[in-house]
Amino acid sequence: MDEKVQDLVDMALAERFSIAFAAMQAESGVDAEQVVRLVELSEQVERHPGISEDAKAVVQEFLHTDNENNERFEKYLYIQGAKDCVAILRELGVIQ
């Protein structure tokens, strides 16, 4: 895919993700509590005297890599959902 087109797709997806996340938060309200808990746990790991700096670095790298992987997976699922929607609409004869 052309780099400019890919940038536009990425920007559009980021906007849709933001809108969807805001809607999810408004509906459930649970996410704010989870974010607070994640911050608390992160601070505990950072301050914990029994965890070496090397271990903290490994944990941080793991969490960063896991977050990047989850973002790619969410993007894939969102795009796949859009493709599935179009396929269903075509099968129903709503679009060609």
Foldseek 3Di string as FASTA:
>chain_A
DDPVVVVVVVVVVVVVVVVVVVVVCVVPVCVVVVVVVVVVVLVCQVPPPVADPVNNVVVVVVVVVVVVVVVVVVSVVVVVVVVVVVVVCVVVVVDD
